[in-house]
Amino acid sequence: MSDCIFCKIINGEIPSNKVLENDKFYAFHDIQPVKKVHVLIVPKNHVSNIAHLTEKNADYVEGLLPFVRDVAKELGISKDGYRLIFNTGGKAGQTVFHMHAHLLGGEEMGWPEA
């Protein structure tokens, strides 16, 4: 989508602090981190959120969890633990409507956290 900020980041139109990239996903540091480590992981193909996945685009997320694992290793947080969050829809706190996961770590976290 031409007006999607994450599509522009993926396409190099907006600079980002990239962590890792493969043919399907792009991971970069959040510009407003809420934890010591806060990285966004986005599929390169645009889909608004998990609720918009269908049989036609479900393959957008194939390989997502292995990519998350690789990003956590790259960041040095894989041994101590990390949290993966998907906000789906406005009431859940989604503000950019391009499906993405927040990878948080690098410090102790409680549960639940708002």
PDB file of N, CA and C in Angstrom:
ATOM      1  N   MET A   1       0.853  -1.183   0.000  1.00  0.00           N
ATOM      2  CA  MET A   1       0.000   0.000   0.000  1.00  0.00           C
ATOM      3  C   MET A   1       0.893   1.238   0.000  1.00  0.00           C
ATOM      4  N   SER A   2       0.563   2.185  -0.834  1.00  0.00           N
ATOM      5  CA  SER A   2       1.431   3.336  -1.036  1.00  0.00           C
ATOM      6  C   SER A   2       1.510   4.267   0.173  1.00  0.00           C
ATOM      7  N   ASP A   3       0.504   4.276   1.051  1.00  0.00           N
ATOM      8  CA  ASP A   3       0.534   5.170   2.199  1.00  0.00           C
ATOM      9  C   ASP A   3       0.914   4.468   3.501  1.00  0.00           C
ATOM     10  N   CYS A   4       1.281   3.217   3.447  1.00  0.00           N
ATOM     11  CA  CYS A   4       1.624   2.444   4.650  1.00  0.00           C
ATOM     12  C   CYS A   4       3.071   2.722   5.054  1.00  0.00           C
ATOM     13  N   ILE A   5       3.265   3.178   6.283  1.00  0.00           N
ATOM     14  CA  ILE A   5       4.604   3.514   6.765  1.00  0.00           C
ATOM     15  C   ILE A   5       5.519   2.286   6.789  1.00  0.00           C
ATOM     16  N   PHE A   6       4.997   1.116   7.140  1.00  0.00           N
ATOM     17  CA  PHE A   6       5.843  -0.078   7.173  1.00  0.00           C
ATOM     18  C   PHE A   6       6.223  -0.528   5.770  1.00  0.00           C
ATOM     19  N   CYS A   7       5.304  -0.386   4.813  1.00  0.00           N
ATOM     20  CA  CYS A   7       5.650  -0.695   3.416  1.00  0.00           C
ATOM     21  C   CYS A   7       6.769   0.231   2.943  1.00  0.00           C
ATOM     22  N   LYS A   8       6.701   1.505   3.332  1.00  0.00           N
ATOM     23  CA  LYS A   8       7.742   2.465   2.951  1.00  0.00           C
ATOM     24  C   LYS A   8       9.077   2.121   3.598  1.00  0.00           C
ATOM     25  N   ILE A   9       9.054   1.648   4.833  1.00  0.00           N
ATOM     26  CA  ILE A   9      10.287   1.220   5.501  1.00  0.00           C
ATOM     27  C   ILE A   9      10.873   0.013   4.783  1.00  0.00           C
ATOM     28  N   ILE A  10      10.046  -0.966   4.494  1.00  0.00           N
ATOM     29  CA  ILE A  10      10.498  -2.176   3.806  1.00  0.00           C
ATOM     30  C   ILE A  10      11.096  -1.838   2.447  1.00  0.00           C
ATOM     31  N   ASN A  11      10.490  -0.877   1.737  1.00  0.00           N
ATOM     32  CA  ASN A  11      10.953  -0.483   0.411  1.00  0.00           C
ATOM     33  C   ASN A  11      12.123   0.491   0.435  1.00  0.00           C
ATOM     34  N   GLY A  12      12.572   0.885   1.639  1.00  0.00           N
ATOM     35  CA  GLY A  12      13.710   1.786   1.750  1.00  0.00           C
ATOM     36  C   GLY A  12      13.365   3.250   1.543  1.00  0.00           C
ATOM     37  N   GLU A  13      12.090   3.591   1.480  1.00  0.00           N
ATOM     38  CA  GLU A  13      11.674   4.986   1.311  1.00  0.00           C
ATOM     39  C   GLU A  13      11.797   5.775   2.605  1.00  0.00           C
ATOM     40  N   ILE A  14      11.709   5.077   3.731  1.00  0.00           N
ATOM     41  CA  ILE A  14      11.880   5.670   5.055  1.00  0.00           C
ATOM     42  C   ILE A  14      12.991   4.887   5.734  1.00  0.00           C
ATOM     43  N   PRO A  15      13.992   5.577   6.299  1.00  0.00           N
ATOM     44  CA  PRO A  15      15.098   4.859   6.933  1.00  0.00           C
ATOM     45  C   PRO A  15      14.656   4.128   8.206  1.00  0.00           C
ATOM     46  N   SER A  16      15.356   3.041   8.506  1.00  0.00           N
ATOM     47  CA  SER A  16      15.099   2.289   9.730  1.00  0.00           C
ATOM     48  C   SER A  16      16.414   1.706  10.226  1.00  0.00           C
ATOM     49  N   ASN A  17      16.403   1.292  11.462  1.00  0.00           N
ATOM     50  CA  ASN A  17      17.562   0.640  12.065  1.00  0.00           C
ATOM     51  C   ASN A  17      17.326  -0.868  11.965  1.00  0.00           C
ATOM     52  N   LYS A  18      17.702  -1.440  10.829  1.00  0.00           N
ATOM     53  CA  LYS A  18      17.424  -2.847  10.530  1.00  0.00           C
ATOM     54  C   LYS A  18      18.210  -3.775  11.447  1.00  0.00           C
ATOM     55  N   VAL A  19      17.534  -4.839  11.866  1.00  0.00           N
ATOM     56  CA  VAL A  19      18.161  -5.907  12.638  1.00  0.00           C
ATOM     57  C   VAL A  19      18.453  -7.091  11.731  1.00  0.00           C
ATOM     58  N   LEU A  20      17.449  -7.526  10.981  1.00  0.00           N
ATOM     59  CA  LEU A  20      17.576  -8.714  10.147  1.00  0.00           C
ATOM     60  C   LEU A  20      16.512  -8.659   9.059  1.00  0.00           C
ATOM     61  N   GLU A  21      16.803  -9.327   7.941  1.00  0.00           N
ATOM     62  CA  GLU A  21      15.871  -9.359   6.820  1.00  0.00           C
ATOM     63  C   GLU A  21      16.060 -10.668   6.073  1.00  0.00           C
ATOM     64  N   ASN A  22      14.957 -11.199   5.569  1.00  0.00           N
ATOM     65  CA  ASN A  22      15.038 -12.312   4.624  1.00  0.00           C
ATOM     66  C   ASN A  22      14.053 -12.043   3.493  1.00  0.00           C
ATOM     67  N   ASP A  23      13.736 -13.040   2.706  1.00  0.00           N
ATOM     68  CA  ASP A  23      12.861 -12.799   1.558  1.00  0.00           C
ATOM     69  C   ASP A  23      11.419 -12.502   1.954  1.00  0.00           C
ATOM     70  N   LYS A  24      10.993 -12.857   3.176  1.00  0.00           N
ATOM     71  CA  LYS A  24       9.603 -12.661   3.587  1.00  0.00           C
ATOM     72  C   LYS A  24       9.398 -11.626   4.682  1.00  0.00           C
ATOM     73  N   PHE A  25      10.439 -11.403   5.515  1.00  0.00           N
ATOM     74  CA  PHE A  25      10.257 -10.570   6.702  1.00  0.00           C
ATOM     75  C   PHE A  25      11.367  -9.541   6.860  1.00  0.00           C
ATOM     76  N   TYR A  26      11.030  -8.486   7.593  1.00  0.00           N
ATOM     77  CA  TYR A  26      11.961  -7.399   7.873  1.00  0.00           C
ATOM     78  C   TYR A  26      11.824  -7.065   9.352  1.00  0.00           C
ATOM     79  N   ALA A  27      12.938  -6.991  10.062  1.00  0.00           N
ATOM     80  CA  ALA A  27      12.933  -6.664  11.487  1.00  0.00           C
ATOM     81  C   ALA A  27      13.758  -5.396  11.701  1.00  0.00           C
ATOM     82  N   PHE A  28      13.203  -4.470  12.484  1.00  0.00           N
ATOM     83  CA  PHE A  28      13.892  -3.212  12.750  1.00  0.00           C
ATOM     84  C   PHE A  28      13.526  -2.698  14.141  1.00  0.00           C
ATOM     85  N   HIS A  29      14.402  -1.862  14.691  1.00  0.00           N
ATOM     86  CA  HIS A  29      14.192  -1.308  16.022  1.00  0.00           C
ATOM     87  C   HIS A  29      13.039  -0.304  16.008  1.00  0.00           C
ATOM     88  N   ASP A  30      12.176  -0.419  17.022  1.00  0.00           N
ATOM     89  CA  ASP A  30      11.067   0.513  17.191  1.00  0.00           C
ATOM     90  C   ASP A  30      11.633   1.882  17.562  1.00  0.00           C
ATOM     91  N   ILE A  31      11.076   2.954  16.990  1.00  0.00           N
ATOM     92  CA  ILE A  31      11.588   4.293  17.301  1.00  0.00           C
ATOM     93  C   ILE A  31      11.065   4.820  18.641  1.00  0.00           C
ATOM     94  N   GLN A  32      10.085   4.132  19.222  1.00  0.00           N
ATOM     95  CA  GLN A  32       9.582   4.486  20.547  1.00  0.00           C
ATOM     96  C   GLN A  32       9.571   3.223  21.418  1.00  0.00           C
ATOM     97  N   PRO A  33      10.753   2.733  21.785  1.00  0.00           N
ATOM     98  CA  PRO A  33      10.809   1.461  22.520  1.00  0.00           C
ATOM     99  C   PRO A  33      10.170   1.556  23.899  1.00  0.00           C
ATOM    100  N   VAL A  34       9.519   0.452  24.286  1.00  0.00           N
ATOM    101  CA  VAL A  34       8.930   0.365  25.623  1.00  0.00           C
ATOM    102  C   VAL A  34       9.741  -0.549  26.536  1.00  0.00           C
ATOM    103  N   LYS A  35      10.708  -1.239  25.990  1.00  0.00           N
ATOM    104  CA  LYS A  35      11.626  -2.093  26.742  1.00  0.00           C
ATOM    105  C   LYS A  35      13.033  -1.866  26.220  1.00  0.00           C
ATOM    106  N   LYS A  36      14.007  -2.396  26.948  1.00  0.00           N
ATOM    107  CA  LYS A  36      15.403  -2.234  26.547  1.00  0.00           C
ATOM    108  C   LYS A  36      15.621  -2.697  25.105  1.00  0.00           C
ATOM    109  N   VAL A  37      15.031  -3.829  24.744  1.00  0.00           N
ATOM    110  CA  VAL A  37      15.029  -4.306  23.365  1.00  0.00           C
ATOM    111  C   VAL A  37      13.587  -4.287  22.883  1.00  0.00           C
ATOM    112  N   HIS A  38      13.343  -3.572  21.790  1.00  0.00           N
ATOM    113  CA  HIS A  38      11.996  -3.487  21.216  1.00  0.00           C
ATOM    114  C   HIS A  38      12.154  -3.419  19.704  1.00  0.00           C
ATOM    115  N   VAL A  39      11.847  -4.540  19.058  1.00  0.00           N
ATOM    116  CA  VAL A  39      12.011  -4.670  17.622  1.00  0.00           C
ATOM    117  C   VAL A  39      10.660  -5.011  17.005  1.00  0.00           C
ATOM    118  N   LEU A  40      10.407  -4.450  15.835  1.00  0.00           N
ATOM    119  CA  LEU A  40       9.202  -4.773  15.083  1.00  0.00           C
ATOM    120  C   LEU A  40       9.564  -5.756  13.986  1.00  0.00           C
ATOM    121  N   ILE A  41       8.727  -6.754  13.817  1.00  0.00           N
ATOM    122  CA  ILE A  41       8.921  -7.769  12.777  1.00  0.00           C
ATOM    123  C   ILE A  41       7.698  -7.721  11.873  1.00  0.00           C
ATOM    124  N   VAL A  42       7.938  -7.424  10.596  1.00  0.00           N
ATOM    125  CA  VAL A  42       6.835  -7.244   9.657  1.00  0.00           C
ATOM    126  C   VAL A  42       7.006  -8.143   8.441  1.00  0.00           C
ATOM    127  N   PRO A  43       5.904  -8.696   7.935  1.00  0.00           N
ATOM    128  CA  PRO A  43       5.996  -9.398   6.656  1.00  0.00           C
ATOM    129  C   PRO A  43       6.181  -8.365   5.547  1.00  0.00           C
ATOM    130  N   LYS A  44       6.919  -8.720   4.529  1.00  0.00           N
ATOM    131  CA  LYS A  44       7.154  -7.786   3.429  1.00  0.00           C
ATOM    132  C   LYS A  44       5.904  -7.563   2.589  1.00  0.00           C
ATOM    133  N   ASN A  45       5.017  -8.533   2.542  1.00  0.00           N
ATOM    134  CA  ASN A  45       3.752  -8.374   1.842  1.00  0.00           C
ATOM    135  C   ASN A  45       2.749  -7.743   2.801  1.00  0.00           C
ATOM    136  N   HIS A  46       2.017  -6.760   2.316  1.00  0.00           N
ATOM    137  CA  HIS A  46       1.086  -6.032   3.169  1.00  0.00           C
ATOM    138  C   HIS A  46      -0.181  -6.843   3.446  1.00  0.00           C
ATOM    139  N   VAL A  47      -0.494  -6.957   4.701  1.00  0.00           N
ATOM    140  CA  VAL A  47      -1.796  -7.426   5.171  1.00  0.00           C
ATOM    141  C   VAL A  47      -2.051  -6.634   6.449  1.00  0.00           C
ATOM    142  N   SER A  48      -3.270  -6.168   6.665  1.00  0.00           N
ATOM    143  CA  SER A  48      -3.554  -5.241   7.762  1.00  0.00           C
ATOM    144  C   SER A  48      -3.244  -5.803   9.140  1.00  0.00           C
ATOM    145  N   ASN A  49      -3.690  -7.020   9.395  1.00  0.00           N
ATOM    146  CA  ASN A  49      -3.426  -7.669  10.684  1.00  0.00           C
ATOM    147  C   ASN A  49      -3.855  -9.127  10.605  1.00  0.00           C
ATOM    148  N   ILE A  50      -3.699  -9.830  11.692  1.00  0.00           N
ATOM    149  CA  ILE A  50      -3.999 -11.263  11.712  1.00  0.00           C
ATOM    150  C   ILE A  50      -5.448 -11.530  11.299  1.00  0.00           C
ATOM    151  N   ALA A  51      -6.361 -10.648  11.693  1.00  0.00           N
ATOM    152  CA  ALA A  51      -7.771 -10.841  11.371  1.00  0.00           C
ATOM    153  C   ALA A  51      -8.035 -10.808   9.864  1.00  0.00           C
ATOM    154  N   HIS A  52      -7.107 -10.243   9.095  1.00  0.00           N
ATOM    155  CA  HIS A  52      -7.269 -10.151   7.648  1.00  0.00           C
ATOM    156  C   HIS A  52      -6.551 -11.263   6.890  1.00  0.00           C
ATOM    157  N   LEU A  53      -6.000 -12.228   7.611  1.00  0.00           N
ATOM    158  CA  LEU A  53      -5.375 -13.364   6.935  1.00  0.00           C
ATOM    159  C   LEU A  53      -6.468 -14.276   6.379  1.00  0.00           C
ATOM    160  N   THR A  54      -6.257 -14.738   5.165  1.00  0.00           N
ATOM    161  CA  THR A  54      -7.181 -15.666   4.520  1.00  0.00           C
ATOM    162  C   THR A  54      -6.358 -16.801   3.922  1.00  0.00           C
ATOM    163  N   GLU A  55      -7.039 -17.733   3.290  1.00  0.00           N
ATOM    164  CA  GLU A  55      -6.329 -18.820   2.619  1.00  0.00           C
ATOM    165  C   GLU A  55      -5.414 -18.257   1.524  1.00  0.00           C
ATOM    166  N   LYS A  56      -5.790 -17.116   0.952  1.00  0.00           N
ATOM    167  CA  LYS A  56      -5.017 -16.519  -0.140  1.00  0.00           C
ATOM    168  C   LYS A  56      -3.719 -15.864   0.332  1.00  0.00           C
ATOM    169  N   ASN A  57      -3.685 -15.391   1.581  1.00  0.00           N
ATOM    170  CA  ASN A  57      -2.482 -14.706   2.047  1.00  0.00           C
ATOM    171  C   ASN A  57      -1.887 -15.283   3.333  1.00  0.00           C
ATOM    172  N   ALA A  58      -2.376 -16.424   3.770  1.00  0.00           N
ATOM    173  CA  ALA A  58      -1.869 -17.029   5.000  1.00  0.00           C
ATOM    174  C   ALA A  58      -0.385 -17.372   4.900  1.00  0.00           C
ATOM    175  N   ASP A  59       0.102 -17.600   3.678  1.00  0.00           N
ATOM    176  CA  ASP A  59       1.523 -17.914   3.525  1.00  0.00           C
ATOM    177  C   ASP A  59       2.417 -16.715   3.822  1.00  0.00           C
ATOM    178  N   TYR A  60       1.824 -15.519   4.028  1.00  0.00           N
ATOM    179  CA  TYR A  60       2.600 -14.348   4.405  1.00  0.00           C
ATOM    180  C   TYR A  60       3.349 -14.591   5.712  1.00  0.00           C
ATOM    181  N   VAL A  61       2.798 -15.447   6.559  1.00  0.00           N
ATOM    182  CA  VAL A  61       3.417 -15.665   7.860  1.00  0.00           C
ATOM    183  C   VAL A  61       4.159 -16.999   7.967  1.00  0.00           C
ATOM    184  N   GLU A  62       4.191 -17.761   6.881  1.00  0.00           N
ATOM    185  CA  GLU A  62       4.955 -19.009   6.905  1.00  0.00           C
ATOM    186  C   GLU A  62       6.425 -18.677   7.144  1.00  0.00           C
ATOM    187  N   GLY A  63       6.983 -19.283   8.139  1.00  0.00           N
ATOM    188  CA  GLY A  63       8.383 -19.023   8.475  1.00  0.00           C
ATOM    189  C   GLY A  63       8.565 -17.901   9.486  1.00  0.00           C
ATOM    190  N   LEU A  64       7.466 -17.328   9.979  1.00  0.00           N
ATOM    191  CA  LEU A  64       7.572 -16.211  10.922  1.00  0.00           C
ATOM    192  C   LEU A  64       8.286 -16.602  12.217  1.00  0.00           C
ATOM    193  N   LEU A  65       7.880 -17.696  12.830  1.00  0.00           N
ATOM    194  CA  LEU A  65       8.482 -18.056  14.119  1.00  0.00           C
ATOM    195  C   LEU A  65       9.969 -18.398  14.013  1.00  0.00           C
ATOM    196  N   PRO A  66      10.407 -19.119  12.982  1.00  0.00           N
ATOM    197  CA  PRO A  66      11.856 -19.288  12.840  1.00  0.00           C
ATOM    198  C   PRO A  66      12.587 -17.959  12.635  1.00  0.00           C
ATOM    199  N   PHE A  67      11.957 -17.008  11.936  1.00  0.00           N
ATOM    200  CA  PHE A  67      12.569 -15.689  11.756  1.00  0.00           C
ATOM    201  C   PHE A  67      12.662 -14.965  13.091  1.00  0.00           C
ATOM    202  N   VAL A  68      11.607 -15.029  13.901  1.00  0.00           N
ATOM    203  CA  VAL A  68      11.627 -14.417  15.240  1.00  0.00           C
ATOM    204  C   VAL A  68      12.775 -15.008  16.051  1.00  0.00           C
ATOM    205  N   ARG A  69      12.920 -16.324  16.005  1.00  0.00           N
ATOM    206  CA  ARG A  69      14.014 -16.989  16.717  1.00  0.00           C
ATOM    207  C   ARG A  69      15.364 -16.441  16.272  1.00  0.00           C
ATOM    208  N   ASP A  70      15.545 -16.258  14.962  1.00  0.00           N
ATOM    209  CA  ASP A  70      16.805 -15.750  14.430  1.00  0.00           C
ATOM    210  C   ASP A  70      17.048 -14.303  14.844  1.00  0.00           C
ATOM    211  N   VAL A  71      15.994 -13.502  14.885  1.00  0.00           N
ATOM    212  CA  VAL A  71      16.125 -12.110  15.326  1.00  0.00           C
ATOM    213  C   VAL A  71      16.529 -12.074  16.799  1.00  0.00           C
ATOM    214  N   ALA A  72      15.899 -12.902  17.628  1.00  0.00           N
ATOM    215  CA  ALA A  72      16.250 -12.947  19.050  1.00  0.00           C
ATOM    216  C   ALA A  72      17.710 -13.351  19.250  1.00  0.00           C
ATOM    217  N   LYS A  73      18.182 -14.300  18.466  1.00  0.00           N
ATOM    218  CA  LYS A  73      19.597 -14.684  18.526  1.00  0.00           C
ATOM    219  C   LYS A  73      20.487 -13.524  18.122  1.00  0.00           C
ATOM    220  N   GLU A  74      20.131 -12.846  17.046  1.00  0.00           N
ATOM    221  CA  GLU A  74      20.906 -11.698  16.553  1.00  0.00           C
ATOM    222  C   GLU A  74      20.998 -10.604  17.613  1.00  0.00           C
ATOM    223  N   LEU A  75      19.935 -10.419  18.376  1.00  0.00           N
ATOM    224  CA  LEU A  75      19.885  -9.386  19.406  1.00  0.00           C
ATOM    225  C   LEU A  75      20.510  -9.829  20.724  1.00  0.00           C
ATOM    226  N   GLY A  76      20.843 -11.110  20.840  1.00  0.00           N
ATOM    227  CA  GLY A  76      21.440 -11.628  22.067  1.00  0.00           C
ATOM    228  C   GLY A  76      20.464 -11.818  23.208  1.00  0.00           C
ATOM    229  N   ILE A  77      19.172 -11.986  22.900  1.00  0.00           N
ATOM    230  CA  ILE A  77      18.173 -12.157  23.958  1.00  0.00           C
ATOM    231  C   ILE A  77      17.556 -13.550  23.965  1.00  0.00           C
ATOM    232  N   SER A  78      18.037 -14.434  23.120  1.00  0.00           N
ATOM    233  CA  SER A  78      17.388 -15.739  22.983  1.00  0.00           C
ATOM    234  C   SER A  78      17.543 -16.617  24.220  1.00  0.00           C
ATOM    235  N   LYS A  79      18.631 -16.480  24.948  1.00  0.00           N
ATOM    236  CA  LYS A  79      18.848 -17.351  26.114  1.00  0.00           C
ATOM    237  C   LYS A  79      18.099 -16.871  27.349  1.00  0.00           C
ATOM    238  N   ASP A  80      17.986 -15.559  27.528  1.00  0.00           N
ATOM    239  CA  ASP A  80      17.331 -15.016  28.721  1.00  0.00           C
ATOM    240  C   ASP A  80      15.818 -14.949  28.597  1.00  0.00           C
ATOM    241  N   GLY A  81      15.308 -14.953  27.372  1.00  0.00           N
ATOM    242  CA  GLY A  81      13.868 -14.902  27.162  1.00  0.00           C
ATOM    243  C   GLY A  81      13.422 -13.594  26.546  1.00  0.00           C
ATOM    244  N   TYR A  82      12.273 -13.662  25.919  1.00  0.00           N
ATOM    245  CA  TYR A  82      11.704 -12.501  25.238  1.00  0.00           C
ATOM    246  C   TYR A  82      10.217 -12.694  25.102  1.00  0.00           C
ATOM    247  N   ARG A  83       9.537 -11.636  24.717  1.00  0.00           N
ATOM    248  CA  ARG A  83       8.088 -11.657  24.533  1.00  0.00           C
ATOM    249  C   ARG A  83       7.765 -11.247  23.108  1.00  0.00           C
ATOM    250  N   LEU A  84       6.785 -11.918  22.513  1.00  0.00           N
ATOM    251  CA  LEU A  84       6.321 -11.615  21.164  1.00  0.00           C
ATOM    252  C   LEU A  84       4.852 -11.215  21.252  1.00  0.00           C
ATOM    253  N   ILE A  85       4.520 -10.019  20.757  1.00  0.00           N
ATOM    254  CA  ILE A  85       3.161  -9.481  20.882  1.00  0.00           C
ATOM    255  C   ILE A  85       2.634  -9.070  19.511  1.00  0.00           C
ATOM    256  N   PHE A  86       1.405  -9.472  19.214  1.00  0.00           N
ATOM    257  CA  PHE A  86       0.673  -8.994  18.046  1.00  0.00           C
ATOM    258  C   PHE A  86      -0.532  -8.208  18.557  1.00  0.00           C
ATOM    259  N   ASN A  87      -0.645  -6.950  18.190  1.00  0.00           N
ATOM    260  CA  ASN A  87      -1.846  -6.172  18.458  1.00  0.00           C
ATOM    261  C   ASN A  87      -2.707  -6.245  17.207  1.00  0.00           C
ATOM    262  N   THR A  88      -3.940  -6.711  17.367  1.00  0.00           N
ATOM    263  CA  THR A  88      -4.815  -6.915  16.205  1.00  0.00           C
ATOM    264  C   THR A  88      -6.059  -6.064  16.364  1.00  0.00           C
ATOM    265  N   GLY A  89      -6.095  -4.934  15.661  1.00  0.00           N
ATOM    266  CA  GLY A  89      -7.220  -4.020  15.711  1.00  0.00           C
ATOM    267  C   GLY A  89      -6.991  -2.873  16.679  1.00  0.00           C
ATOM    268  N   GLY A  90      -7.747  -1.827  16.468  1.00  0.00           N
ATOM    269  CA  GLY A  90      -7.608  -0.611  17.258  1.00  0.00           C
ATOM    270  C   GLY A  90      -7.812  -0.800  18.745  1.00  0.00           C
ATOM    271  N   LYS A  91      -8.797  -1.604  19.149  1.00  0.00           N
ATOM    272  CA  LYS A  91      -9.047  -1.804  20.575  1.00  0.00           C
ATOM    273  C   LYS A  91      -7.922  -2.560  21.257  1.00  0.00           C
ATOM    274  N   ALA A  92      -7.114  -3.272  20.495  1.00  0.00           N
ATOM    275  CA  ALA A  92      -5.966  -3.989  21.058  1.00  0.00           C
ATOM    276  C   ALA A  92      -4.713  -3.120  21.065  1.00  0.00           C
ATOM    277  N   GLY A  93      -4.806  -1.912  20.510  1.00  0.00           N
ATOM    278  CA  GLY A  93      -3.669  -1.007  20.506  1.00  0.00           C
ATOM    279  C   GLY A  93      -2.918  -0.936  19.191  1.00  0.00           C
ATOM    280  N   GLN A  94      -3.424  -1.592  18.152  1.00  0.00           N
ATOM    281  CA  GLN A  94      -2.744  -1.513  16.860  1.00  0.00           C
ATOM    282  C   GLN A  94      -2.897  -0.106  16.309  1.00  0.00           C
ATOM    283  N   THR A  95      -1.761   0.528  15.976  1.00  0.00           N
ATOM    284  CA  THR A  95      -1.789   1.887  15.437  1.00  0.00           C
ATOM    285  C   THR A  95      -1.304   1.951  13.996  1.00  0.00           C
ATOM    286  N   VAL A  96      -0.502   0.986  13.573  1.00  0.00           N
ATOM    287  CA  VAL A  96      -0.078   0.890  12.178  1.00  0.00           C
ATOM    288  C   VAL A  96      -0.737  -0.367  11.619  1.00  0.00           C
ATOM    289  N   PHE A  97      -1.562  -0.204  10.602  1.00  0.00           N
ATOM    290  CA  PHE A  97      -2.340  -1.324  10.096  1.00  0.00           C
ATOM    291  C   PHE A  97      -1.625  -2.050   8.961  1.00  0.00           C
ATOM    292  N   HIS A  98      -0.455  -2.558   9.320  1.00  0.00           N
ATOM    293  CA  HIS A  98       0.337  -3.519   8.553  1.00  0.00           C
ATOM    294  C   HIS A  98       0.734  -4.537   9.611  1.00  0.00           C
ATOM    295  N   MET A  99       0.316  -5.769   9.447  1.00  0.00           N
ATOM    296  CA  MET A  99       0.556  -6.788  10.463  1.00  0.00           C
ATOM    297  C   MET A  99       2.012  -6.736  10.923  1.00  0.00           C
ATOM    298  N   HIS A 100       2.220  -6.767  12.222  1.00  0.00           N
ATOM    299  CA  HIS A 100       3.566  -6.749  12.772  1.00  0.00           C
ATOM    300  C   HIS A 100       3.569  -7.322  14.181  1.00  0.00           C
ATOM    301  N   ALA A 101       4.725  -7.810  14.559  1.00  0.00           N
ATOM    302  CA  ALA A 101       4.925  -8.331  15.904  1.00  0.00           C
ATOM    303  C   ALA A 101       5.935  -7.444  16.616  1.00  0.00           C
ATOM    304  N   HIS A 102       5.711  -7.265  17.904  1.00  0.00           N
ATOM    305  CA  HIS A 102       6.661  -6.562  18.759  1.00  0.00           C
ATOM    306  C   HIS A 102       7.474  -7.625  19.485  1.00  0.00           C
ATOM    307  N   LEU A 103       8.772  -7.602  19.318  1.00  0.00           N
ATOM    308  CA  LEU A 103       9.678  -8.499  20.033  1.00  0.00           C
ATOM    309  C   LEU A 103      10.321  -7.679  21.139  1.00  0.00           C
ATOM    310  N   LEU A 104      10.033  -8.051  22.387  1.00  0.00           N
ATOM    311  CA  LEU A 104      10.507  -7.311  23.556  1.00  0.00           C
ATOM    312  C   LEU A 104      11.433  -8.178  24.379  1.00  0.00           C
ATOM    313  N   GLY A 105      12.462  -7.576  24.951  1.00  0.00           N
ATOM    314  CA  GLY A 105      13.369  -8.324  25.813  1.00  0.00           C
ATOM    315  C   GLY A 105      14.455  -7.443  26.375  1.00  0.00           C
ATOM    316  N   GLY A 106      15.488  -8.102  26.894  1.00  0.00           N
ATOM    317  CA  GLY A 106      16.630  -7.392  27.440  1.00  0.00           C
ATOM    318  C   GLY A 106      16.470  -6.942  28.870  1.00  0.00           C
ATOM    319  N   GLU A 107      15.336  -7.265  29.496  1.00  0.00           N
ATOM    320  CA  GLU A 107      15.100  -6.904  30.879  1.00  0.00           C
ATOM    321  C   GLU A 107      13.991  -7.777  31.451  1.00  0.00           C
ATOM    322  N   GLU A 108      13.855  -7.761  32.766  1.00  0.00           N
ATOM    323  CA  GLU A 108      12.787  -8.510  33.430  1.00  0.00           C
ATOM    324  C   GLU A 108      11.435  -7.903  33.072  1.00  0.00           C
ATOM    325  N   MET A 109      10.446  -8.784  32.886  1.00  0.00           N
ATOM    326  CA  MET A 109       9.075  -8.327  32.606  1.00  0.00           C
ATOM    327  C   MET A 109       8.113  -9.061  33.519  1.00  0.00           C
ATOM    328  N   GLY A 110       7.071  -8.370  33.903  1.00  0.00           N
ATOM    329  CA  GLY A 110       6.027  -9.001  34.693  1.00  0.00           C
ATOM    330  C   GLY A 110       4.897  -9.463  33.790  1.00  0.00           C
ATOM    331  N   TRP A 111       3.889 -10.074  34.424  1.00  0.00           N
ATOM    332  CA  TRP A 111       2.707 -10.486  33.680  1.00  0.00           C
ATOM    333  C   TRP A 111       1.489 -10.294  34.543  1.00  0.00           C
ATOM    334  N   PRO A 112       0.427  -9.711  34.104  1.00  0.00           N
ATOM    335  CA  PRO A 112       0.344  -9.038  32.810  1.00  0.00           C
ATOM    336  C   PRO A 112       0.900  -7.638  32.900  1.00  0.00           C
ATOM    337  N   GLU A 113       1.298  -7.118  31.773  1.00  0.00           N
ATOM    338  CA  GLU A 113       1.729  -5.727  31.678  1.00  0.00           C
ATOM    339  C   GLU A 113       0.811  -5.032  30.698  1.00  0.00           C
ATOM    340  N   ALA A 114       0.400  -3.837  31.032  1.00  0.00           N
ATOM    341  CA  ALA A 114      -0.472  -3.078  30.135  1.00  0.00           C
ATOM    342  C   ALA A 114       0.330  -2.069  29.356  1.00  0.00           C
TER     343      ALA A 114
END
